[in-house]
Amino acid sequence: ANLPIYTDHLVNGFQNWRWATVNLANSSPVYSGDNSISIVNAGNYQALYLEDSDFDTTPYQSLDFWINGGASGGQKVQVFGLLDGAGQNAYSLENLPANGWQHFTISLSALGVAGKTNFTGLWIQGDSGTAQPVFYADDIQLLAAPAPPLIHLNVNATQTIRSVDSRWFGVNAAVWDNDFDTPQTISLLEDMKTRVMRFPGGSLSDEYHWASNTSLTNVWQWSTSFDDFARVATNANIHAQAFITANYGTGTPAEAAACVRDANVTNHYGFKYWEIGNECYGDWETDSNTYPHDAYTYAVRAADYIAQMKAADPTIKIGVPVVTGEDNSDNGYTSHPAVNPRTGQTHYGWTPVLLSTLKNLGVTPDFLVYHVYPEYTDSESDPLLLQSAASWPANAADLRQQLTDYLGSAGTNVELVADENNSNSGQQGKQSTSLVNGLYYSDSLGQLMKTEFNAFVWGDLRKGTDTSGNFDSTLYGWRAYGDLGMINGLNTRHPTFYAAKLMSLFAQPGDTVLDATSDYLLLSAYAIRGANGSVRLLVLNKDTQASFNAQISLDGFAPSANAVIFSYGIPQDEAARTNGSVSSQDIATNTFAGAGANFDYTFPPLSLTLFTFAPAASQLTAFIPQTGELTLQLQGQSNATYVMQTSADLVHWISVSTNQLTGNILNITNAIPSAASQQFWRAV
């Protein structure tokens, strides 16, 4: 799909950073629609500057727009593409026509920004140092590059990245959820195979008093109490682990310790993971301390929280909130600088000051808490949101480097967890409830699985209807409301719910993450080796319009020809729009008879496709190298686990040994029992 930049207003996250006199709502002349952009260059090469966050231009081939010289015409104008805010190659336009619209299509190669990952916008700029009459621009967009005729997806079944963590399958629960402690919610959590939940709910955590089930701004009791949450989390069909956020903003260490004691000592809930405050680095959080949102104040108080909470239950793990970047969220405080021992540089950012202060106090947290929301109100962009998931490896590397720098060897065993992730942290529009956000959920979790992050908690299970956000026609989707929740009301499921359900079919504890690659940005691939020896491949088509043809290669794994396919995408979303049956809105299940070490498949737009490949049948042969011995030769899958079993009657089987193949052939020699008249063997 093309990427619109200006369609009567700026879209896809582009902002007006102009240093010319600019009117984004000029009513005449216009090329199409109701508005155009008027630009007055008063000299000194003033420009219309349309800025966006870094993104990858690989899917796009050219900049396309219309321009009008107004009543006088003849203006000299040049265009720049920007990488990290710096202009690249200048492209000069001929003198602009008077009272007429002229169409320009400029290749991104000519602008020096083709195939770059750090494109940040463009200038349309006066090409002389002198003042020029007003001119106009309209219908600005990046035109899509043709997709490759064949995309290559590769799974290396011999290269294991890491083990699957049960804490990757989580949702935020909240005190405002009227429907939380209900059979319907328990059924929904079961359907997603939810394994971890967080409570009491984002920023409200820094106002919430667990014992009274009230908060700073609410004198009444909330709908869901701490015990209501615990009843669902510990339900026999759920039995989820919990992340509990203690009140830092208006609470005390004693209050937090009392909560730990009530949960784990009195009621034996066994809640292992606790964190002190929610996003305490942000001025949106309630913070009644003398120095609010100050990393030093937080660290000193956090040390007291940790001491009292672990005195209540020494087995719990406690985390603290962090941000990436050493100079982020300094909030203007300079009294307690942090010197990076590796670089020698002084920083005032939240994470360096927090970690260095904790080290000086002799305190090491058990984990760091990281939150990700790539967008904010009116900056939504479907294609750029679906690029943003690629930032997880860099985020993990940044936080690990800060742990190493500021805590030294003490930071080695500190975990990274992400217990809030969603598309947009502001007012919600239709993107939050669209199929695009479902793909973002799966893409984000898929990328995180390849890092050292050991928890992934989506925010939220239920949030609530919002109609104050962005409903622009450039965004995909049909729902007339926004909602960060997977569920609206009692039982209305959003695409993020089905994406989470699909991810639970993709990976579970006991599985391992495999290396999977794609040579095209808009077709993502992720792979899992199941504990049962199967290989699963998840493929996401992140384009809203095009189907992509791909060749799939499975290295180090011989699949059975028959694969099972689970899929979710536009057909299911359309079924929801037209009030189709519940089953038609759910994940589809099909079989595919063409699997092999190499095969082709076509992926429809905005789709999640999950292949499950069973191993090709193994072969077990026997020979007697010498009297009294039997050698069994197993030909099977490398890295798969096989149990050798024996029987005297083909009915009662006894497991003899468990073996993991490092290659494709394993020889096992056993003594033949002298009294045995017959003996049967099999490999499972």
Foldseek 3Di string as FASTA:
>chain_A
DWFWQAACHGAQQKDWPWPFDKDSNPQPPAPDDGGWMKTWFAFPWTWGWIWHFFAWQAFFWKKKKKKAQEQPWQFKKWKFWDFVRDTAAIHTDGTGYYPDIDIDIGTVVNRVRHGDRGTITMITIGPHRHTDDMMIMHGIITHGDDDPQAWAKEFEPQFFQWFAFLQAQAFEDALQDLQCLDPLNLVLCLLLLRAEYEDHAALQQQFAQQVQCAGDVGPDHTNAGPVSVLCSCCPPSRVHAYEYEHHQQPDALVSLLVVLLCCCVVVNSPRAHYEYHHPQLDPVHRHPDPDGNALLVCLVRVVSSVVSNCVSPVRHAYEYEDDFDQAPSLVPDDPQWAQFPVPRDIYSHNLRSNLLNNVVVVHDGQEYEYEDAPAEFSNDDLVRLLLVLLCQQVRLVRVLVSLCRRNNPSSPRYAYAYAEYFHYDYFFFFQLQFLSRLSSLLSNSLNNLSHRHNHHYYYHQWDEWGQPGDPDPNDDGDDNTGTNHQDYPSHRGGSNSQSSSVVCVQDDGQKTWTDMDMPDSQKDWTWIQHLQRKIKIKIFRSDQADKHKYKYAYHQAWFQQKKKKKKAFDQLRVCVVVVHDPVSNHIDIDMGRGDGRIDMDIGGHSMIMMIITHGDDKDWDWDDPDPQKIKIKIFGGAQHKKWKWKDLPVPDIDTDDIDHHNHGIDIDMDGDPPPRPDMDMDID
